[in-house]
């Protein structure tokens, strides 16, 4: 595994440095600290800021390689990740207001949608990595995200919870809700959902990761954050799908965008193993138009 940290030398990028300091030494992976100066006048101050951040990483047991370039940030990050194959890119983020959502910058969204590797948006204090929450739609195309999460969790000794959220059925089906939220009964049902969740849990356990499954009903984003509030999670994992045809980027659905906006802990936006074909565009559009029916992916 190779990790790239994108830093502009500001306080916001310190989140990314702290996150890398937790991950890289535990995983024993190569680490690159990548700074981009938007003008040539910014290059020397950026080098000085990166040198200080590199000292922090070395103190955590990680010895980063430093790269400084000038130009438009997203273009430079795209070029670097195209030439050197990274498994994970870590970027920092800052809260834009004292209360409410983060409402990330458009640049953050463009990085997530444009580059090939998974993107870890480092938020909050990044003081520990003990509990991960994976938002799974109960489908196999999230398997790559589960494997990446398992690799990271195994490195730092974190526990993983697989969360699946179903749409809330009418009140007359209250018994069905109770049955579906009984995880043992769901796994024993041999339904497609039960089999998939069981396979994902077993994949994590094979990596030596303690894993459990949670099932909720209701509005997807609200249920995710109810779970986050009750579980003291340090990392939320959501997905994105590779588009084909006219969509030459990763599709970051409304749920993933909402998670990135609302989270007060770090968010890993992983890539799905299934490529979204052009014929699936209308399915994606339908999910955007009717979010109540959308499953987490």
C-alpha atoms as a PDB file:
ATOM      1  CA  UNK A   1       0.000   0.000   0.000  1.00  0.00           C
ATOM      2  CA  UNK A   2       1.174   3.526  -0.830  1.00  0.00           C
ATOM      3  CA  UNK A   3      -0.241   6.665   0.791  1.00  0.00           C
ATOM      4  CA  UNK A   4      -0.174  10.233  -0.551  1.00  0.00           C
ATOM      5  CA  UNK A   5      -0.810  13.186   1.777  1.00  0.00           C
ATOM      6  CA  UNK A   6      -1.894  16.380   0.040  1.00  0.00           C
ATOM      7  CA  UNK A   7      -0.908  19.463   2.019  1.00  0.00           C
ATOM      8  CA  UNK A   8      -1.111  23.194   1.426  1.00  0.00           C
ATOM      9  CA  UNK A   9       0.868  23.861   4.585  1.00  0.00           C
ATOM     10  CA  UNK A  10      -2.114  25.363   6.422  1.00  0.00           C
ATOM     11  CA  UNK A  11      -3.703  24.386   9.723  1.00  0.00           C
ATOM     12  CA  UNK A  12      -6.410  22.445   7.835  1.00  0.00           C
ATOM     13  CA  UNK A  13      -3.805  20.089   6.386  1.00  0.00           C
ATOM     14  CA  UNK A  14      -2.577  19.318   9.917  1.00  0.00           C
ATOM     15  CA  UNK A  15      -5.599  16.990  10.164  1.00  0.00           C
ATOM     16  CA  UNK A  16      -4.190  14.986   7.257  1.00  0.00           C
ATOM     17  CA  UNK A  17      -0.763  14.888   8.904  1.00  0.00           C
ATOM     18  CA  UNK A  18      -2.206  13.558  12.156  1.00  0.00           C
ATOM     19  CA  UNK A  19      -4.215  10.922  10.292  1.00  0.00           C
ATOM     20  CA  UNK A  20      -1.161   9.790   8.326  1.00  0.00           C
ATOM     21  CA  UNK A  21       0.805   9.663  11.564  1.00  0.00           C
ATOM     22  CA  UNK A  22      -1.720   7.155  12.907  1.00  0.00           C
ATOM     23  CA  UNK A  23      -1.950   5.023   9.763  1.00  0.00           C
ATOM     24  CA  UNK A  24       1.455   4.913   8.097  1.00  0.00           C
ATOM     25  CA  UNK A  25       3.678   3.663  10.935  1.00  0.00           C
ATOM     26  CA  UNK A  26       1.157   0.964  11.910  1.00  0.00           C
ATOM     27  CA  UNK A  27       0.765  -0.210   8.325  1.00  0.00           C
ATOM     28  CA  UNK A  28       4.483   0.132   7.538  1.00  0.00           C
ATOM     29  CA  UNK A  29       3.760   1.681   4.143  1.00  0.00           C
ATOM     30  CA  UNK A  30       5.576   4.250   1.956  1.00  0.00           C
ATOM     31  CA  UNK A  31       4.357   7.788   2.569  1.00  0.00           C
ATOM     32  CA  UNK A  32       4.588  10.806   0.281  1.00  0.00           C
ATOM     33  CA  UNK A  33       3.946  14.361   1.471  1.00  0.00           C
ATOM     34  CA  UNK A  34       2.784  16.325  -1.565  1.00  0.00           C
ATOM     35  CA  UNK A  35       2.609  20.117  -1.506  1.00  0.00           C
ATOM     36  CA  UNK A  36       1.224  22.315  -4.279  1.00  0.00           C
ATOM     37  CA  UNK A  37       2.016  26.015  -4.487  1.00  0.00           C
ATOM     38  CA  UNK A  38      -0.531  27.849  -6.601  1.00  0.00           C
ATOM     39  CA  UNK A  39       2.029  30.577  -7.418  1.00  0.00           C
ATOM     40  CA  UNK A  40       5.827  30.518  -7.536  1.00  0.00           C
ATOM     41  CA  UNK A  41       5.928  33.042  -4.664  1.00  0.00           C
ATOM     42  CA  UNK A  42       4.191  30.491  -2.440  1.00  0.00           C
ATOM     43  CA  UNK A  43       6.676  27.723  -3.115  1.00  0.00           C
ATOM     44  CA  UNK A  44       9.342  28.545  -0.521  1.00  0.00           C
ATOM     45  CA  UNK A  45       6.894  29.175   2.363  1.00  0.00           C
ATOM     46  CA  UNK A  46       5.186  25.898   1.435  1.00  0.00           C
ATOM     47  CA  UNK A  47       8.489  24.005   1.529  1.00  0.00           C
ATOM     48  CA  UNK A  48       9.119  25.367   5.013  1.00  0.00           C
ATOM     49  CA  UNK A  49       5.639  24.365   6.190  1.00  0.00           C
ATOM     50  CA  UNK A  50       6.016  20.865   4.721  1.00  0.00           C
ATOM     51  CA  UNK A  51       9.391  20.457   6.412  1.00  0.00           C
ATOM     52  CA  UNK A  52       7.706  21.107   9.784  1.00  0.00           C
ATOM     53  CA  UNK A  53       4.922  18.642   8.974  1.00  0.00           C
ATOM     54  CA  UNK A  54       7.533  16.057   7.959  1.00  0.00           C
ATOM     55  CA  UNK A  55       9.140  16.427  11.398  1.00  0.00           C
ATOM     56  CA  UNK A  56       5.762  15.616  12.981  1.00  0.00           C
ATOM     57  CA  UNK A  57       5.446  12.490  10.822  1.00  0.00           C
ATOM     58  CA  UNK A  58       8.979  11.346  11.621  1.00  0.00           C
ATOM     59  CA  UNK A  59       8.171  11.789  15.298  1.00  0.00           C
ATOM     60  CA  UNK A  60       5.225   9.425  14.778  1.00  0.00           C
ATOM     61  CA  UNK A  61       7.516   6.858  13.156  1.00  0.00           C
ATOM     62  CA  UNK A  62       6.838   7.663   9.487  1.00  0.00           C
ATOM     63  CA  UNK A  63       9.548   8.949   7.157  1.00  0.00           C
ATOM     64  CA  UNK A  64       7.812  10.718   4.270  1.00  0.00           C
ATOM     65  CA  UNK A  65       9.161  11.543   0.844  1.00  0.00           C
ATOM     66  CA  UNK A  66       8.573  15.258   0.075  1.00  0.00           C
ATOM     67  CA  UNK A  67       7.376  16.620  -3.273  1.00  0.00           C
ATOM     68  CA  UNK A  68       6.592  20.281  -4.001  1.00  0.00           C
ATOM     69  CA  UNK A  69       5.051  21.455  -7.264  1.00  0.00           C
ATOM     70  CA  UNK A  70       3.472  24.637  -8.571  1.00  0.00           C
ATOM     71  CA  UNK A  71       0.178  24.899 -10.421  1.00  0.00           C
ATOM     72  CA  UNK A  72      -3.532  24.251 -10.138  1.00  0.00           C
ATOM     73  CA  UNK A  73      -3.968  21.837  -7.201  1.00  0.00           C
ATOM     74  CA  UNK A  74      -6.443  19.325  -8.659  1.00  0.00           C
ATOM     75  CA  UNK A  75      -4.499  19.115 -11.930  1.00  0.00           C
ATOM     76  CA  UNK A  76      -1.290  18.445 -10.020  1.00  0.00           C
ATOM     77  CA  UNK A  77      -2.894  15.812  -7.780  1.00  0.00           C
ATOM     78  CA  UNK A  78      -4.369  14.088 -10.839  1.00  0.00           C
ATOM     79  CA  UNK A  79      -0.972  14.058 -12.514  1.00  0.00           C
ATOM     80  CA  UNK A  80       0.808  12.684  -9.438  1.00  0.00           C
ATOM     81  CA  UNK A  81      -1.728   9.911  -8.844  1.00  0.00           C
ATOM     82  CA  UNK A  82      -1.702   8.991 -12.537  1.00  0.00           C
ATOM     83  CA  UNK A  83       2.079   8.557 -12.656  1.00  0.00           C
ATOM     84  CA  UNK A  84       2.519   6.961  -9.232  1.00  0.00           C
ATOM     85  CA  UNK A  85      -0.088   4.410  -8.218  1.00  0.00           C
ATOM     86  CA  UNK A  86      -1.274   5.238  -4.705  1.00  0.00           C
ATOM     87  CA  UNK A  87      -3.809   3.194  -2.782  1.00  0.00           C
ATOM     88  CA  UNK A  88      -4.956   6.042  -0.564  1.00  0.00           C
ATOM     89  CA  UNK A  89      -4.895   9.839  -0.749  1.00  0.00           C
ATOM     90  CA  UNK A  90      -5.333  11.809   2.478  1.00  0.00           C
ATOM     91  CA  UNK A  91      -6.579  15.388   2.372  1.00  0.00           C
ATOM     92  CA  UNK A  92      -7.367  17.789   5.222  1.00  0.00           C
ATOM     93  CA  UNK A  93     -10.539  19.813   5.702  1.00  0.00           C
ATOM     94  CA  UNK A  94     -11.684  22.650   7.891  1.00  0.00           C
ATOM     95  CA  UNK A  95     -15.025  23.578   9.400  1.00  0.00           C
ATOM     96  CA  UNK A  96     -16.425  26.655   7.666  1.00  0.00           C
ATOM     97  CA  UNK A  97     -18.596  27.674  10.603  1.00  0.00           C
ATOM     98  CA  UNK A  98     -18.711  27.005  14.321  1.00  0.00           C
ATOM     99  CA  UNK A  99     -21.962  25.042  14.169  1.00  0.00           C
ATOM    100  CA  UNK A 100     -23.727  22.998  11.530  1.00  0.00           C
ATOM    101  CA  UNK A 101     -22.210  21.057   8.650  1.00  0.00           C
ATOM    102  CA  UNK A 102     -18.685  21.309   7.303  1.00  0.00           C
ATOM    103  CA  UNK A 103     -19.924  22.107   3.780  1.00  0.00           C
ATOM    104  CA  UNK A 104     -16.691  21.141   2.108  1.00  0.00           C
ATOM    105  CA  UNK A 105     -15.197  23.238  -0.650  1.00  0.00           C
ATOM    106  CA  UNK A 106     -15.801  22.378  -4.272  1.00  0.00           C
ATOM    107  CA  UNK A 107     -12.116  21.459  -4.483  1.00  0.00           C
ATOM    108  CA  UNK A 108     -12.645  18.670  -1.940  1.00  0.00           C
ATOM    109  CA  UNK A 109     -15.510  17.238  -3.999  1.00  0.00           C
ATOM    110  CA  UNK A 110     -13.518  17.454  -7.216  1.00  0.00           C
ATOM    111  CA  UNK A 111     -10.597  15.565  -5.707  1.00  0.00           C
ATOM    112  CA  UNK A 112     -12.926  12.816  -4.491  1.00  0.00           C
ATOM    113  CA  UNK A 113     -14.616  12.534  -7.894  1.00  0.00           C
ATOM    114  CA  UNK A 114     -11.540  12.879 -10.094  1.00  0.00           C
ATOM    115  CA  UNK A 115      -8.661  10.773  -8.834  1.00  0.00           C
ATOM    116  CA  UNK A 116      -8.279   7.014  -9.031  1.00  0.00           C
ATOM    117  CA  UNK A 117      -7.318   6.112  -5.420  1.00  0.00           C
ATOM    118  CA  UNK A 118      -9.629   6.135  -2.436  1.00  0.00           C
ATOM    119  CA  UNK A 119      -9.744   9.500  -0.630  1.00  0.00           C
ATOM    120  CA  UNK A 120      -9.602   9.932   3.134  1.00  0.00           C
ATOM    121  CA  UNK A 121     -10.947  13.330   4.232  1.00  0.00           C
ATOM    122  CA  UNK A 122      -9.291  13.987   7.599  1.00  0.00           C
ATOM    123  CA  UNK A 123     -11.658  15.849   9.932  1.00  0.00           C
ATOM    124  CA  UNK A 124     -11.679  16.639  13.623  1.00  0.00           C
ATOM    125  CA  UNK A 125      -8.851  15.892  16.029  1.00  0.00           C
ATOM    126  CA  UNK A 126      -7.766  12.604  14.387  1.00  0.00           C
ATOM    127  CA  UNK A 127      -6.489  11.477  17.788  1.00  0.00           C
ATOM    128  CA  UNK A 128      -7.278   7.765  17.490  1.00  0.00           C
ATOM    129  CA  UNK A 129      -8.420   5.064  15.070  1.00  0.00           C
ATOM    130  CA  UNK A 130     -10.293   2.484  17.129  1.00  0.00           C
ATOM    131  CA  UNK A 131     -13.787   2.181  15.612  1.00  0.00           C
ATOM    132  CA  UNK A 132     -14.715   2.219  11.903  1.00  0.00           C
ATOM    133  CA  UNK A 133     -18.236   2.389  10.456  1.00  0.00           C
ATOM    134  CA  UNK A 134     -18.736   1.027   6.928  1.00  0.00           C
ATOM    135  CA  UNK A 135     -21.937   2.177   5.211  1.00  0.00           C
ATOM    136  CA  UNK A 136     -22.802  -0.790   3.025  1.00  0.00           C
ATOM    137  CA  UNK A 137     -25.704  -1.085   0.634  1.00  0.00           C
ATOM    138  CA  UNK A 138     -25.657  -4.856   1.112  1.00  0.00           C
ATOM    139  CA  UNK A 139     -24.315  -5.374  -2.414  1.00  0.00           C
ATOM    140  CA  UNK A 140     -21.074  -6.969  -3.597  1.00  0.00           C
ATOM    141  CA  UNK A 141     -19.821  -3.848  -5.395  1.00  0.00           C
ATOM    142  CA  UNK A 142     -18.783  -2.417  -2.014  1.00  0.00           C
ATOM    143  CA  UNK A 143     -16.454  -5.395  -1.448  1.00  0.00           C
ATOM    144  CA  UNK A 144     -13.304  -3.482  -2.442  1.00  0.00           C
ATOM    145  CA  UNK A 145     -14.179  -0.783   0.081  1.00  0.00           C
ATOM    146  CA  UNK A 146     -14.634  -3.455   2.757  1.00  0.00           C
ATOM    147  CA  UNK A 147     -11.236  -4.971   1.934  1.00  0.00           C
ATOM    148  CA  UNK A 148      -9.482  -1.574   2.062  1.00  0.00           C
ATOM    149  CA  UNK A 149     -11.189  -0.797   5.357  1.00  0.00           C
ATOM    150  CA  UNK A 150     -10.173  -4.185   6.703  1.00  0.00           C
ATOM    151  CA  UNK A 151      -6.550  -3.636   5.698  1.00  0.00           C
ATOM    152  CA  UNK A 152      -6.457  -0.285   7.500  1.00  0.00           C
ATOM    153  CA  UNK A 153      -8.345  -1.623  10.521  1.00  0.00           C
ATOM    154  CA  UNK A 154      -5.993  -4.596  10.831  1.00  0.00           C
ATOM    155  CA  UNK A 155      -2.980  -2.260  10.769  1.00  0.00           C
ATOM    156  CA  UNK A 156      -4.235  -0.064  13.619  1.00  0.00           C
ATOM    157  CA  UNK A 157      -6.196  -2.679  15.560  1.00  0.00           C
ATOM    158  CA  UNK A 158      -9.588  -1.067  14.930  1.00  0.00           C
ATOM    159  CA  UNK A 159     -13.018  -2.679  15.165  1.00  0.00           C
ATOM    160  CA  UNK A 160     -15.379  -2.439  12.171  1.00  0.00           C
ATOM    161  CA  UNK A 161     -19.174  -2.160  12.103  1.00  0.00           C
ATOM    162  CA  UNK A 162     -21.024  -2.879   8.851  1.00  0.00           C
ATOM    163  CA  UNK A 163     -24.132  -0.692   8.728  1.00  0.00           C
ATOM    164  CA  UNK A 164     -27.010  -1.313   6.337  1.00  0.00           C
ATOM    165  CA  UNK A 165     -29.968   1.104   6.254  1.00  0.00           C
ATOM    166  CA  UNK A 166     -33.330   0.102   4.772  1.00  0.00           C
ATOM    167  CA  UNK A 167     -36.144   2.425   3.806  1.00  0.00           C
ATOM    168  CA  UNK A 168     -38.829   2.716   6.490  1.00  0.00           C
ATOM    169  CA  UNK A 169     -41.871   0.612   5.483  1.00  0.00           C
ATOM    170  CA  UNK A 170     -45.479   1.567   6.357  1.00  0.00           C
ATOM    171  CA  UNK A 171     -46.487   1.174  10.003  1.00  0.00           C
ATOM    172  CA  UNK A 172     -48.494  -1.979   9.279  1.00  0.00           C
ATOM    173  CA  UNK A 173     -45.177  -3.738   8.600  1.00  0.00           C
ATOM    174  CA  UNK A 174     -43.722  -3.027  12.053  1.00  0.00           C
ATOM    175  CA  UNK A 175     -43.172  -6.755  12.595  1.00  0.00           C
ATOM    176  CA  UNK A 176     -41.118  -6.875   9.382  1.00  0.00           C
ATOM    177  CA  UNK A 177     -38.900  -4.044  10.658  1.00  0.00           C
ATOM    178  CA  UNK A 178     -38.291  -5.896  13.904  1.00  0.00           C
ATOM    179  CA  UNK A 179     -37.409  -9.063  12.033  1.00  0.00           C
ATOM    180  CA  UNK A 180     -35.032  -7.315   9.615  1.00  0.00           C
ATOM    181  CA  UNK A 181     -33.231  -5.518  12.434  1.00  0.00           C
ATOM    182  CA  UNK A 182     -32.605  -8.869  14.135  1.00  0.00           C
ATOM    183  CA  UNK A 183     -29.175  -9.446  12.601  1.00  0.00           C
ATOM    184  CA  UNK A 184     -28.955 -13.108  13.592  1.00  0.00           C
ATOM    185  CA  UNK A 185     -32.314 -13.809  11.936  1.00  0.00           C
ATOM    186  CA  UNK A 186     -31.274 -11.844   8.836  1.00  0.00           C
ATOM    187  CA  UNK A 187     -28.033 -13.794   8.455  1.00  0.00           C
ATOM    188  CA  UNK A 188     -29.859 -17.088   8.978  1.00  0.00           C
ATOM    189  CA  UNK A 189     -32.492 -16.189   6.371  1.00  0.00           C
ATOM    190  CA  UNK A 190     -30.071 -16.905   3.491  1.00  0.00           C
ATOM    191  CA  UNK A 191     -31.474 -13.880   1.665  1.00  0.00           C
ATOM    192  CA  UNK A 192     -29.186 -12.035  -0.773  1.00  0.00           C
ATOM    193  CA  UNK A 193     -28.732  -9.265   1.783  1.00  0.00           C
ATOM    194  CA  UNK A 194     -27.989 -11.729   4.573  1.00  0.00           C
ATOM    195  CA  UNK A 195     -25.460 -13.651   2.468  1.00  0.00           C
ATOM    196  CA  UNK A 196     -23.696 -10.474   1.345  1.00  0.00           C
ATOM    197  CA  UNK A 197     -23.399  -9.019   4.829  1.00  0.00           C
ATOM    198  CA  UNK A 198     -22.162 -12.349   6.140  1.00  0.00           C
ATOM    199  CA  UNK A 199     -19.513 -12.531   3.377  1.00  0.00           C
ATOM    200  CA  UNK A 200     -18.349  -8.985   4.152  1.00  0.00           C
ATOM    201  CA  UNK A 201     -18.084  -9.765   7.859  1.00  0.00           C
ATOM    202  CA  UNK A 202     -16.106 -12.929   7.129  1.00  0.00           C
ATOM    203  CA  UNK A 203     -13.760 -11.019   4.801  1.00  0.00           C
ATOM    204  CA  UNK A 204     -12.956  -8.640   7.661  1.00  0.00           C
ATOM    205  CA  UNK A 205     -12.492 -11.481  10.128  1.00  0.00           C
ATOM    206  CA  UNK A 206     -10.042 -13.210   7.777  1.00  0.00           C
ATOM    207  CA  UNK A 207      -7.891 -10.070   8.062  1.00  0.00           C
ATOM    208  CA  UNK A 208      -7.969 -10.430  11.838  1.00  0.00           C
ATOM    209  CA  UNK A 209     -10.477  -7.595  12.315  1.00  0.00           C
ATOM    210  CA  UNK A 210     -13.256  -7.740  14.903  1.00  0.00           C
ATOM    211  CA  UNK A 211     -16.466  -7.043  12.938  1.00  0.00           C
ATOM    212  CA  UNK A 212     -20.180  -6.776  13.617  1.00  0.00           C
ATOM    213  CA  UNK A 213     -23.310  -5.909  11.645  1.00  0.00           C
ATOM    214  CA  UNK A 214     -25.961  -3.283  12.356  1.00  0.00           C
ATOM    215  CA  UNK A 215     -29.261  -2.915  10.453  1.00  0.00           C
ATOM    216  CA  UNK A 216     -31.465   0.196  10.719  1.00  0.00           C
ATOM    217  CA  UNK A 217     -34.642   1.486   9.066  1.00  0.00           C
ATOM    218  CA  UNK A 218     -35.385   5.068   8.094  1.00  0.00           C
ATOM    219  CA  UNK A 219     -33.859   7.992   6.206  1.00  0.00           C
ATOM    220  CA  UNK A 220     -30.388   6.799   5.285  1.00  0.00           C
ATOM    221  CA  UNK A 221     -28.262   9.826   6.229  1.00  0.00           C
ATOM    222  CA  UNK A 222     -30.163  10.380   9.495  1.00  0.00           C
ATOM    223  CA  UNK A 223     -29.785   6.750  10.513  1.00  0.00           C
ATOM    224  CA  UNK A 224     -26.074   6.816   9.723  1.00  0.00           C
ATOM    225  CA  UNK A 225     -25.499   9.785  11.996  1.00  0.00           C
ATOM    226  CA  UNK A 226     -27.709   8.345  14.728  1.00  0.00           C
ATOM    227  CA  UNK A 227     -25.414   5.324  14.626  1.00  0.00           C
ATOM    228  CA  UNK A 228     -22.308   7.533  14.624  1.00  0.00           C
ATOM    229  CA  UNK A 229     -23.608   9.447  17.644  1.00  0.00           C
ATOM    230  CA  UNK A 230     -24.275   6.256  19.589  1.00  0.00           C
ATOM    231  CA  UNK A 231     -21.097   4.440  18.602  1.00  0.00           C
ATOM    232  CA  UNK A 232     -18.210   6.923  19.048  1.00  0.00           C
ATOM    233  CA  UNK A 233     -16.744   6.089  15.639  1.00  0.00           C
ATOM    234  CA  UNK A 234     -13.419   7.504  14.449  1.00  0.00           C
ATOM    235  CA  UNK A 235     -13.861   6.844  10.728  1.00  0.00           C
ATOM    236  CA  UNK A 236     -16.904   6.568   8.447  1.00  0.00           C
ATOM    237  CA  UNK A 237     -16.502   4.650   5.178  1.00  0.00           C
ATOM    238  CA  UNK A 238     -18.779   5.345   2.226  1.00  0.00           C
ATOM    239  CA  UNK A 239     -18.558   4.461  -1.447  1.00  0.00           C
ATOM    240  CA  UNK A 240     -18.291   5.924  -4.914  1.00  0.00           C
ATOM    241  CA  UNK A 241     -18.701   4.262  -8.302  1.00  0.00           C
ATOM    242  CA  UNK A 242     -16.654   4.606 -11.450  1.00  0.00           C
ATOM    243  CA  UNK A 243     -18.686   6.015 -14.330  1.00  0.00           C
ATOM    244  CA  UNK A 244     -18.367   5.039 -17.972  1.00  0.00           C
ATOM    245  CA  UNK A 245     -19.401   6.608 -21.224  1.00  0.00           C
ATOM    246  CA  UNK A 246     -20.015  10.356 -20.872  1.00  0.00           C
ATOM    247  CA  UNK A 247     -19.269  10.240 -17.124  1.00  0.00           C
ATOM    248  CA  UNK A 248     -15.469   9.986 -16.913  1.00  0.00           C
ATOM    249  CA  UNK A 249     -15.166  10.300 -13.162  1.00  0.00           C
ATOM    250  CA  UNK A 250     -16.327   8.762  -9.904  1.00  0.00           C
ATOM    251  CA  UNK A 251     -19.954   9.246  -8.953  1.00  0.00           C
ATOM    252  CA  UNK A 252     -20.231  10.559  -5.406  1.00  0.00           C
ATOM    253  CA  UNK A 253     -23.871  10.021  -4.521  1.00  0.00           C
ATOM    254  CA  UNK A 254     -25.983  12.256  -2.334  1.00  0.00           C
ATOM    255  CA  UNK A 255     -25.477   9.990   0.685  1.00  0.00           C
ATOM    256  CA  UNK A 256     -21.688  10.135   0.424  1.00  0.00           C
ATOM    257  CA  UNK A 257     -21.791  13.902  -0.081  1.00  0.00           C
ATOM    258  CA  UNK A 258     -24.048  14.259   2.957  1.00  0.00           C
ATOM    259  CA  UNK A 259     -21.658  12.157   5.040  1.00  0.00           C
ATOM    260  CA  UNK A 260     -18.666  14.255   3.992  1.00  0.00           C
ATOM    261  CA  UNK A 261     -20.584  17.436   4.822  1.00  0.00           C
ATOM    262  CA  UNK A 262     -22.022  16.376   8.169  1.00  0.00           C
ATOM    263  CA  UNK A 263     -19.287  14.222   9.674  1.00  0.00           C
ATOM    264  CA  UNK A 264     -17.255  15.435  12.608  1.00  0.00           C
ATOM    265  CA  UNK A 265     -14.860  12.510  12.282  1.00  0.00           C
ATOM    266  CA  UNK A 266     -12.801  11.480   9.272  1.00  0.00           C
ATOM    267  CA  UNK A 267     -14.467  10.024   6.157  1.00  0.00           C
ATOM    268  CA  UNK A 268     -13.002   7.461   3.774  1.00  0.00           C
ATOM    269  CA  UNK A 269     -14.550   7.580   0.295  1.00  0.00           C
ATOM    270  CA  UNK A 270     -13.677   4.200  -1.190  1.00  0.00           C
ATOM    271  CA  UNK A 271     -14.086   2.950  -4.750  1.00  0.00           C
ATOM    272  CA  UNK A 272     -16.536   0.234  -5.654  1.00  0.00           C
ATOM    273  CA  UNK A 273     -15.461  -2.877  -7.505  1.00  0.00           C
ATOM    274  CA  UNK A 274     -18.289  -2.549  -9.983  1.00  0.00           C
ATOM    275  CA  UNK A 275     -17.940  -0.099 -12.865  1.00  0.00           C
ATOM    276  CA  UNK A 276     -21.124   1.845 -13.503  1.00  0.00           C
ATOM    277  CA  UNK A 277     -21.997   1.480 -17.171  1.00  0.00           C
ATOM    278  CA  UNK A 278     -23.577   4.248 -19.206  1.00  0.00           C
ATOM    279  CA  UNK A 279     -26.854   2.331 -19.168  1.00  0.00           C
ATOM    280  CA  UNK A 280     -26.816   2.662 -15.364  1.00  0.00           C
ATOM    281  CA  UNK A 281     -26.842   6.449 -15.576  1.00  0.00           C
ATOM    282  CA  UNK A 282     -30.634   6.599 -15.332  1.00  0.00           C
ATOM    283  CA  UNK A 283     -30.556   4.326 -12.288  1.00  0.00           C
ATOM    284  CA  UNK A 284     -28.107   6.720 -10.617  1.00  0.00           C
ATOM    285  CA  UNK A 285     -30.281   9.672 -11.610  1.00  0.00           C
ATOM    286  CA  UNK A 286     -33.358   7.962 -10.153  1.00  0.00           C
ATOM    287  CA  UNK A 287     -31.547   7.514  -6.842  1.00  0.00           C
ATOM    288  CA  UNK A 288     -30.777  11.227  -6.831  1.00  0.00           C
ATOM    289  CA  UNK A 289     -34.390  12.149  -7.595  1.00  0.00           C
ATOM    290  CA  UNK A 290     -35.828   9.717  -5.060  1.00  0.00           C
ATOM    291  CA  UNK A 291     -33.297   9.646  -2.183  1.00  0.00           C
ATOM    292  CA  UNK A 292     -35.770   8.066   0.245  1.00  0.00           C
ATOM    293  CA  UNK A 293     -35.445   4.825  -1.705  1.00  0.00           C
ATOM    294  CA  UNK A 294     -31.654   5.012  -1.995  1.00  0.00           C
ATOM    295  CA  UNK A 295     -29.508   2.456  -0.197  1.00  0.00           C
ATOM    296  CA  UNK A 296     -26.039   3.417   1.008  1.00  0.00           C
ATOM    297  CA  UNK A 297     -23.382   2.644  -1.561  1.00  0.00           C
END
